[in-house]
C-alpha atoms as a PDB file:
ATOM      1  CA  MET A   1      -2.456 -51.298  12.738  1.00  0.00           C
ATOM      2  CA  LYS A   2       0.611 -48.873  13.422  1.00  0.00           C
ATOM      3  CA  ILE A   3      -0.057 -45.451  13.945  1.00  0.00           C
ATOM      4  CA  GLY A   4       2.461 -43.125  14.854  1.00  0.00           C
ATOM      5  CA  VAL A   5       0.606 -40.763  16.702  1.00  0.00           C
ATOM      6  CA  SER A   6       3.008 -38.203  18.031  1.00  0.00           C
ATOM      7  CA  SER A   7       4.683 -37.981  14.434  1.00  0.00           C
ATOM      8  CA  ARG A   8       1.529 -38.722  12.279  1.00  0.00           C
ATOM      9  CA  PHE A   9      -1.600 -37.296  14.274  1.00  0.00           C
ATOM     10  CA  ALA A  10      -0.088 -34.591  16.593  1.00  0.00           C
ATOM     11  CA  GLY A  11       2.598 -33.810  13.906  1.00  0.00           C
ATOM     12  CA  MET A  12      -0.004 -32.905  11.573  1.00  0.00           C
ATOM     13  CA  ALA A  13      -1.991 -31.128  13.864  1.00  0.00           C
ATOM     14  CA  ILE A  14       0.677 -28.762  15.317  1.00  0.00           C
ATOM     15  CA  ALA A  15       1.598 -27.934  11.688  1.00  0.00           C
ATOM     16  CA  LEU A  16      -1.460 -26.559  11.189  1.00  0.00           C
ATOM     17  CA  VAL A  17      -1.513 -24.334  14.202  1.00  0.00           C
ATOM     18  CA  SER A  18       0.139 -21.381  12.746  1.00  0.00           C
ATOM     19  CA  THR A  19      -2.193 -20.952   9.981  1.00  0.00           C
ATOM     20  CA  MET A  20      -5.106 -21.710  12.286  1.00  0.00           C
ATOM     21  CA  MET A  21      -3.926 -18.999  14.725  1.00  0.00           C
ATOM     22  CA  LEU A  22      -5.255 -16.647  11.864  1.00  0.00           C
ATOM     23  CA  ALA A  23      -8.912 -17.558  12.881  1.00  0.00           C
ATOM     24  CA  ALA A  24      -9.490 -14.711  15.009  1.00  0.00           C
ATOM     25  CA  CYS A  25     -11.151 -11.751  12.824  1.00  0.00           C
ATOM     26  CA  GLY A  26     -14.843 -10.774  12.943  1.00  0.00           C
ATOM     27  CA  GLY A  27     -17.245  -7.882  13.119  1.00  0.00           C
ATOM     28  CA  SER A  28     -20.688  -7.052  14.488  1.00  0.00           C
ATOM     29  CA  SER A  29     -23.442  -4.371  14.059  1.00  0.00           C
ATOM     30  CA  GLY A  30     -22.199  -0.957  15.231  1.00  0.00           C
ATOM     31  CA  GLN A  31     -18.347  -2.312  15.298  1.00  0.00           C
ATOM     32  CA  SER A  32     -15.620  -2.180  13.393  1.00  0.00           C
ATOM     33  CA  ASN A  33     -14.161  -5.698  12.077  1.00  0.00           C
ATOM     34  CA  ALA A  34     -10.812  -4.938  13.900  1.00  0.00           C
ATOM     35  CA  ASP A  35     -12.713  -3.898  17.309  1.00  0.00           C
ATOM     36  CA  LEU A  36     -14.658  -7.284  16.996  1.00  0.00           C
ATOM     37  CA  LEU A  37     -11.462  -8.900  16.423  1.00  0.00           C
ATOM     38  CA  LYS A  38     -10.072  -7.763  19.727  1.00  0.00           C
ATOM     39  CA  SER A  39     -13.232  -8.660  21.808  1.00  0.00           C
ATOM     40  CA  ALA A  40     -13.605 -12.239  19.966  1.00  0.00           C
ATOM     41  CA  ALA A  41      -9.972 -12.802  20.758  1.00  0.00           C
ATOM     42  CA  ALA A  42     -10.195 -11.806  24.220  1.00  0.00           C
ATOM     43  CA  ASN A  43     -13.207 -14.203  24.820  1.00  0.00           C
ATOM     44  CA  MET A  44     -11.487 -17.017  23.314  1.00  0.00           C
ATOM     45  CA  LYS A  45      -9.094 -16.833  25.362  1.00  0.00           C
ATOM     46  CA  ALA A  46     -10.933 -16.577  28.481  1.00  0.00           C
ATOM     47  CA  ALA A  47     -12.867 -19.509  27.714  1.00  0.00           C
ATOM     48  CA  LYS A  48     -12.742 -22.288  30.073  1.00  0.00           C
ATOM     49  CA  SER A  49     -13.769 -24.974  27.397  1.00  0.00           C
ATOM     50  CA  TYR A  50     -14.972 -25.450  24.097  1.00  0.00           C
ATOM     51  CA  HIS A  51     -15.736 -28.235  21.254  1.00  0.00           C
ATOM     52  CA  LEU A  52     -13.490 -28.146  17.860  1.00  0.00           C
ATOM     53  CA  THR A  53     -13.623 -29.616  14.814  1.00  0.00           C
ATOM     54  CA  ILE A  54     -11.233 -29.675  12.169  1.00  0.00           C
ATOM     55  CA  ASP A  55     -11.159 -30.653   8.396  1.00  0.00           C
ATOM     56  CA  VAL A  56      -8.146 -30.379   6.672  1.00  0.00           C
ATOM     57  CA  THR A  57      -7.062 -31.673   3.264  1.00  0.00           C
ATOM     58  CA  ALA A  58      -3.054 -31.087   2.702  1.00  0.00           C
ATOM     59  CA  ASN A  59      -1.397 -32.136  -0.438  1.00  0.00           C
ATOM     60  CA  GLY A  60      -4.482 -34.456  -1.306  1.00  0.00           C
ATOM     61  CA  GLN A  61      -4.699 -35.908   2.320  1.00  0.00           C
ATOM     62  CA  PRO A  62      -7.385 -35.304   4.460  1.00  0.00           C
ATOM     63  CA  VAL A  63      -7.510 -35.163   8.147  1.00  0.00           C
ATOM     64  CA  LYS A  64     -10.347 -34.617  10.586  1.00  0.00           C
ATOM     65  CA  ILE A  65     -10.076 -33.802  14.088  1.00  0.00           C
ATOM     66  CA  ASP A  66     -13.278 -33.453  16.527  1.00  0.00           C
ATOM     67  CA  GLY A  67     -12.297 -32.839  20.091  1.00  0.00           C
ATOM     68  CA  ASP A  68     -13.585 -31.152  23.524  1.00  0.00           C
ATOM     69  CA  PHE A  69     -11.061 -29.000  25.074  1.00  0.00           C
ATOM     70  CA  ASP A  70     -11.343 -28.192  28.987  1.00  0.00           C
ATOM     71  CA  VAL A  71      -8.989 -25.336  29.203  1.00  0.00           C
ATOM     72  CA  ALA A  72      -9.308 -24.775  32.529  1.00  0.00           C
ATOM     73  CA  ASN A  73      -8.137 -28.143  33.667  1.00  0.00           C
ATOM     74  CA  ASN A  74      -5.629 -28.734  30.776  1.00  0.00           C
ATOM     75  CA  ASN A  75      -7.829 -31.664  29.431  1.00  0.00           C
ATOM     76  CA  SER A  76      -8.687 -32.743  26.136  1.00  0.00           C
ATOM     77  CA  LYS A  77     -10.638 -35.594  24.193  1.00  0.00           C
ATOM     78  CA  LEU A  78     -10.348 -36.224  20.497  1.00  0.00           C
ATOM     79  CA  THR A  79     -10.816 -38.282  17.591  1.00  0.00           C
ATOM     80  CA  ILE A  80      -8.543 -38.385  14.874  1.00  0.00           C
ATOM     81  CA  ASP A  81      -8.776 -39.362  11.168  1.00  0.00           C
ATOM     82  CA  ASN A  82      -5.369 -39.247   9.238  1.00  0.00           C
ATOM     83  CA  ALA A  83      -6.571 -40.513   5.675  1.00  0.00           C
ATOM     84  CA  GLY A  84      -8.415 -43.630   6.913  1.00  0.00           C
ATOM     85  CA  GLN A  85      -6.101 -43.838   9.907  1.00  0.00           C
ATOM     86  CA  LYS A  86      -8.020 -43.699  12.973  1.00  0.00           C
ATOM     87  CA  ALA A  87      -7.277 -42.944  16.740  1.00  0.00           C
ATOM     88  CA  ALA A  88      -8.777 -41.564  19.732  1.00  0.00           C
ATOM     89  CA  VAL A  89      -6.679 -39.666  22.415  1.00  0.00           C
ATOM     90  CA  THR A  90      -7.343 -38.299  25.774  1.00  0.00           C
ATOM     91  CA  THR A  91      -5.256 -35.897  27.372  1.00  0.00           C
ATOM     92  CA  VAL A  92      -5.395 -35.541  31.413  1.00  0.00           C
ATOM     93  CA  GLY A  93      -3.058 -32.676  32.589  1.00  0.00           C
ATOM     94  CA  SER A  94       0.415 -34.076  31.382  1.00  0.00           C
ATOM     95  CA  ASP A  95      -0.738 -37.621  30.350  1.00  0.00           C
ATOM     96  CA  ALA A  96      -1.814 -38.785  27.399  1.00  0.00           C
ATOM     97  CA  TYR A  97      -3.953 -42.326  26.503  1.00  0.00           C
ATOM     98  CA  ILE A  98      -4.647 -43.540  23.008  1.00  0.00           C
ATOM     99  CA  SER A  99      -6.838 -45.928  21.543  1.00  0.00           C
ATOM    100  CA  THR A 100      -6.706 -47.563  17.847  1.00  0.00           C
ATOM    101  CA  ASP A 101      -9.853 -49.559  18.453  1.00  0.00           C
ATOM    102  CA  GLY A 102     -12.522 -47.009  18.265  1.00  0.00           C
ATOM    103  CA  GLY A 103     -11.997 -46.350  21.980  1.00  0.00           C
ATOM    104  CA  ALA A 104     -12.697 -49.871  23.085  1.00  0.00           C
ATOM    105  CA  THR A 105      -9.217 -50.045  24.694  1.00  0.00           C
ATOM    106  CA  PHE A 106      -6.714 -47.220  25.647  1.00  0.00           C
ATOM    107  CA  THR A 107      -2.986 -47.227  26.333  1.00  0.00           C
ATOM    108  CA  LYS A 108      -1.283 -44.841  28.369  1.00  0.00           C
ATOM    109  CA  VAL A 109       1.814 -43.659  26.409  1.00  0.00           C
ATOM    110  CA  ASP A 110       5.464 -43.123  27.945  1.00  0.00           C
ATOM    111  CA  ALA A 111       6.309 -39.851  29.276  1.00  0.00           C
ATOM    112  CA  ALA A 112       8.215 -38.354  26.035  1.00  0.00           C
ATOM    113  CA  THR A 113       5.247 -39.521  23.524  1.00  0.00           C
ATOM    114  CA  ALA A 114       2.680 -37.743  26.028  1.00  0.00           C
ATOM    115  CA  SER A 115       4.602 -34.801  26.114  1.00  0.00           C
ATOM    116  CA  SER A 116       4.763 -34.434  22.654  1.00  0.00           C
ATOM    117  CA  ILE A 117       1.067 -35.130  22.006  1.00  0.00           C
ATOM    118  CA  THR A 118       0.155 -32.847  25.184  1.00  0.00           C
ATOM    119  CA  SER A 119       2.090 -29.949  23.649  1.00  0.00           C
ATOM    120  CA  SER A 120       0.621 -30.461  20.124  1.00  0.00           C
ATOM    121  CA  PHE A 121      -2.609 -30.356  20.970  1.00  0.00           C
ATOM    122  CA  GLY A 122      -2.451 -27.811  23.690  1.00  0.00           C
ATOM    123  CA  GLN A 123      -1.726 -25.137  21.050  1.00  0.00           C
ATOM    124  CA  PHE A 124      -5.346 -25.152  19.938  1.00  0.00           C
ATOM    125  CA  THR A 125      -6.142 -23.770  23.397  1.00  0.00           C
ATOM    126  CA  ASN A 126      -2.941 -21.613  23.801  1.00  0.00           C
ATOM    127  CA  MET A 127      -3.070 -19.846  20.168  1.00  0.00           C
ATOM    128  CA  TRP A 128      -5.147 -17.181  21.477  1.00  0.00           C
ATOM    129  CA  ASN A 129      -2.374 -16.048  24.188  1.00  0.00           C
ATOM    130  CA  THR A 130      -0.382 -14.709  21.706  1.00  0.00           C
ATOM    131  CA  PHE A 131      -2.822 -12.114  19.975  1.00  0.00           C
ATOM    132  CA  LYS A 132      -1.571  -8.870  19.242  1.00  0.00           C
ATOM    133  CA  PRO A 133      -4.611  -6.356  18.863  1.00  0.00           C
ATOM    134  CA  GLU A 134      -2.266  -3.557  17.442  1.00  0.00           C
ATOM    135  CA  GLN A 135      -1.141  -6.033  14.486  1.00  0.00           C
ATOM    136  CA  VAL A 136      -5.030  -6.277  13.563  1.00  0.00           C
ATOM    137  CA  ASP A 137      -5.238  -2.831  13.390  1.00  0.00           C
ATOM    138  CA  ALA A 138      -2.508  -2.464  11.003  1.00  0.00           C
ATOM    139  CA  VAL A 139      -4.646  -4.236   8.397  1.00  0.00           C
ATOM    140  CA  LYS A 140      -8.371  -3.445   9.452  1.00  0.00           C
ATOM    141  CA  ASP A 141      -9.046  -1.811   6.107  1.00  0.00           C
ATOM    142  CA  ARG A 142      -8.390  -4.981   4.363  1.00  0.00           C
ATOM    143  CA  ILE A 143     -10.785  -7.189   6.596  1.00  0.00           C
ATOM    144  CA  THR A 144     -14.133  -7.135   4.370  1.00  0.00           C
ATOM    145  CA  ASP A 145     -17.335  -8.410   4.255  1.00  0.00           C
ATOM    146  CA  GLY A 146     -17.655 -11.780   3.307  1.00  0.00           C
ATOM    147  CA  ASN A 147     -20.544 -13.089   1.007  1.00  0.00           C
ATOM    148  CA  PRO A 148     -22.685 -13.184   2.214  1.00  0.00           C
ATOM    149  CA  ALA A 149     -21.911 -10.652   5.043  1.00  0.00           C
ATOM    150  CA  THR A 150     -24.156 -12.433   7.672  1.00  0.00           C
ATOM    151  CA  GLU A 151     -24.845 -15.974   8.433  1.00  0.00           C
ATOM    152  CA  THR A 152     -26.156 -18.410  11.092  1.00  0.00           C
ATOM    153  CA  ILE A 153     -23.646 -20.902  12.291  1.00  0.00           C
ATOM    154  CA  SER A 154     -24.445 -23.864  14.562  1.00  0.00           C
ATOM    155  CA  GLY A 155     -27.968 -21.735  15.330  1.00  0.00           C
ATOM    156  CA  VAL A 156     -26.068 -18.294  16.275  1.00  0.00           C
ATOM    157  CA  SER A 157     -26.023 -15.163  14.244  1.00  0.00           C
ATOM    158  CA  THR A 158     -22.458 -14.552  13.092  1.00  0.00           C
ATOM    159  CA  LYS A 159     -20.797 -11.705  10.649  1.00  0.00           C
ATOM    160  CA  HIS A 160     -18.786 -13.186   7.837  1.00  0.00           C
ATOM    161  CA  MET A 161     -15.473 -11.703   7.138  1.00  0.00           C
ATOM    162  CA  SER A 162     -12.722 -12.160   4.592  1.00  0.00           C
ATOM    163  CA  GLY A 163      -9.489 -11.331   4.251  1.00  0.00           C
ATOM    164  CA  SER A 164      -5.645 -12.536   2.863  1.00  0.00           C
ATOM    165  CA  LEU A 165      -3.496 -15.027   4.530  1.00  0.00           C
ATOM    166  CA  GLN A 166      -0.530 -12.506   4.100  1.00  0.00           C
ATOM    167  CA  ASP A 167      -2.497  -9.566   5.515  1.00  0.00           C
ATOM    168  CA  LEU A 168      -3.471 -11.714   8.500  1.00  0.00           C
ATOM    169  CA  GLY A 169      -0.087 -13.480   8.757  1.00  0.00           C
ATOM    170  CA  SER A 170       1.119 -11.454  11.709  1.00  0.00           C
ATOM    171  CA  LEU A 171      -1.562 -13.762  13.922  1.00  0.00           C
ATOM    172  CA  SER A 172       0.457 -16.525  13.253  1.00  0.00           C
ATOM    173  CA  ALA A 173       2.891 -18.613  15.678  1.00  0.00           C
ATOM    174  CA  SER A 174       5.964 -17.417  13.587  1.00  0.00           C
ATOM    175  CA  GLY A 175       4.597 -13.532  13.169  1.00  0.00           C
ATOM    176  CA  THR A 176       4.362 -14.264   9.577  1.00  0.00           C
ATOM    177  CA  THR A 177       3.198 -16.461   6.621  1.00  0.00           C
ATOM    178  CA  THR A 178       4.793 -16.987   3.291  1.00  0.00           C
ATOM    179  CA  GLU A 179       1.347 -18.632   2.224  1.00  0.00           C
ATOM    180  CA  THR A 180      -1.140 -16.973  -0.503  1.00  0.00           C
ATOM    181  CA  GLY A 181      -4.685 -17.430  -0.202  1.00  0.00           C
ATOM    182  CA  THR A 182      -7.919 -16.380   1.670  1.00  0.00           C
ATOM    183  CA  LEU A 183      -9.337 -16.310   5.079  1.00  0.00           C
ATOM    184  CA  ASP A 184     -12.994 -16.333   5.529  1.00  0.00           C
ATOM    185  CA  LEU A 185     -14.066 -15.918   9.153  1.00  0.00           C
ATOM    186  CA  TRP A 186     -17.427 -16.150  11.226  1.00  0.00           C
ATOM    187  CA  VAL A 187     -17.812 -14.171  14.764  1.00  0.00           C
ATOM    188  CA  SER A 188     -20.969 -14.183  16.547  1.00  0.00           C
ATOM    189  CA  THR A 189     -22.629 -10.679  17.037  1.00  0.00           C
ATOM    190  CA  ASP A 190     -24.148 -10.955  20.104  1.00  0.00           C
ATOM    191  CA  ALA A 191     -22.864  -9.417  23.716  1.00  0.00           C
ATOM    192  CA  THR A 192     -20.029 -11.842  23.982  1.00  0.00           C
ATOM    193  CA  PRO A 193     -18.643 -12.482  20.423  1.00  0.00           C
ATOM    194  CA  TYR A 194     -16.412 -15.450  19.838  1.00  0.00           C
ATOM    195  CA  VAL A 195     -15.197 -17.004  16.754  1.00  0.00           C
ATOM    196  CA  TYR A 196     -17.332 -19.984  15.537  1.00  0.00           C
ATOM    197  CA  GLN A 197     -15.904 -20.568  12.240  1.00  0.00           C
ATOM    198  CA  ALA A 198     -12.718 -20.431   9.902  1.00  0.00           C
ATOM    199  CA  LYS A 199     -12.169 -21.248   6.576  1.00  0.00           C
ATOM    200  CA  ILE A 200      -8.771 -21.462   4.898  1.00  0.00           C
ATOM    201  CA  ASN A 201      -7.733 -21.417   1.203  1.00  0.00           C
ATOM    202  CA  SER A 202      -4.086 -21.412   0.745  1.00  0.00           C
ATOM    203  CA  THR A 203      -1.416 -22.856  -1.617  1.00  0.00           C
ATOM    204  CA  SER A 204      -0.877 -25.835   0.232  1.00  0.00           C
ATOM    205  CA  HIS A 205      -3.890 -26.639   2.012  1.00  0.00           C
ATOM    206  CA  GLN A 206      -7.619 -26.451   2.715  1.00  0.00           C
ATOM    207  CA  ALA A 207      -9.244 -26.228   6.367  1.00  0.00           C
ATOM    208  CA  MET A 208     -12.318 -25.641   7.853  1.00  0.00           C
ATOM    209  CA  LEU A 209     -12.607 -24.875  11.839  1.00  0.00           C
ATOM    210  CA  ASN A 210     -15.584 -24.733  13.943  1.00  0.00           C
ATOM    211  CA  TRP A 211     -15.744 -23.917  17.556  1.00  0.00           C
ATOM    212  CA  SER A 212     -18.983 -24.685  19.744  1.00  0.00           C
ATOM    213  CA  ASN A 213     -20.183 -25.593  23.485  1.00  0.00           C
ATOM    214  CA  PHE A 214     -18.247 -22.497  24.976  1.00  0.00           C
ATOM    215  CA  ASN A 215     -17.760 -22.686  28.741  1.00  0.00           C
ATOM    216  CA  GLN A 216     -19.703 -26.036  28.681  1.00  0.00           C
ATOM    217  CA  VAL A 217     -17.092 -28.050  30.403  1.00  0.00           C
ATOM    218  CA  PRO A 218     -16.823 -31.339  29.666  1.00  0.00           C
ATOM    219  CA  ALA A 219     -16.127 -34.431  32.061  1.00  0.00           C
ATOM    220  CA  ILE A 220     -12.582 -35.633  30.939  1.00  0.00           C
ATOM    221  CA  LYS A 221     -11.336 -38.198  33.081  1.00  0.00           C
ATOM    222  CA  ALA A 222      -8.109 -40.858  32.334  1.00  0.00           C
ATOM    223  CA  PRO A 223      -9.715 -44.222  30.810  1.00  0.00           C
ATOM    224  CA  PRO A 224      -8.790 -47.668  31.988  1.00  0.00           C
ATOM    225  CA  THR A 225      -5.970 -48.603  30.153  1.00  0.00           C
ATOM    226  CA  SER A 226      -4.668 -52.101  29.033  1.00  0.00           C
ATOM    227  CA  ALA A 227      -0.726 -53.236  28.759  1.00  0.00           C
ATOM    228  CA  LEU A 228       1.669 -50.897  26.932  1.00  0.00           C
ATOM    229  CA  PRO A 229       2.370 -52.531  23.728  1.00  0.00           C
ATOM    230  CA  PRO A 230       6.064 -51.793  22.431  1.00  0.00           C
ATOM    231  CA  ILE A 231       6.850 -48.171  21.743  1.00  0.00           C
ATOM    232  CA  GLU A 232       7.278 -48.814  18.058  1.00  0.00           C
ATOM    233  CA  ALA A 233       3.760 -49.489  17.698  1.00  0.00           C
ATOM    234  CA  TYR A 234       3.364 -45.629  18.110  1.00  0.00           C
ATOM    235  CA  ARG A 235       6.369 -44.537  15.630  1.00  0.00           C
END
C-alpha cells in the first residue's frame, strides 16, 4: 500500500494546525476567561511533554491522530489513520521513521521527507509559542460559558468555554481566519491550568482535540529499521 506520508498525513495535519491553535481558552473559579487563557497558554508552552489525540472530519474524510510528544527532546511517536490508510510515525530530533504494517517494521525516510514530517508535527508543540495575550483580551467579553459550564475531562475538573472562530482567529498561525463556526474549550481549574480538550465546528471541518499526561515524558527512541523502499512509496 502506498501512503504519501509527507503529503497526505503530515500535510493533512499541518493544514489543521492554524485552526487548532485556537484551542487555548478557558476560565476558572475567581478568574476571568481571558486571565485563565493566559495562564493555560503559558503552561502549555512550558510543558515538557503531553499526549495528544485528534479526531477530524474534513470534506467527509475522517483523520485520526494519536501521539506522544516529548517537547523537551524534540521527539514524537504517533499513529495516523487517514480515511482508513494507516501509518505509525516516530520522529527523533531531525530524523523520521515510518511504518505501514502496524509498527512491525519501520523505514527511515530520506532527509527531505523527514524535514517535512518533523516540521509538520513540530507545529503541534510550537503552536503555543506564538500566543499573544493581548489578542485574547480584545475579545474577552465574547468568550462565554459553555453548556454545561463545568465538566470532568479525563478525570480532571475543567471549565467549559465557548466562542466564535472569527473572534478567536487572531490566535491562529496566520493571525486571522475566514472560517465561521464555533470553538468550545475545556481548561482545568486547578492551580496549574492546562487545555484538556477543544472542539471545533466550522464551515469546512469538525475536530476534537484532547491533551493529557502533561510532563510525563515518554521514552521515545529510534526504532529498528528495514531497507529503504523506493521513495515513490511515500509520495
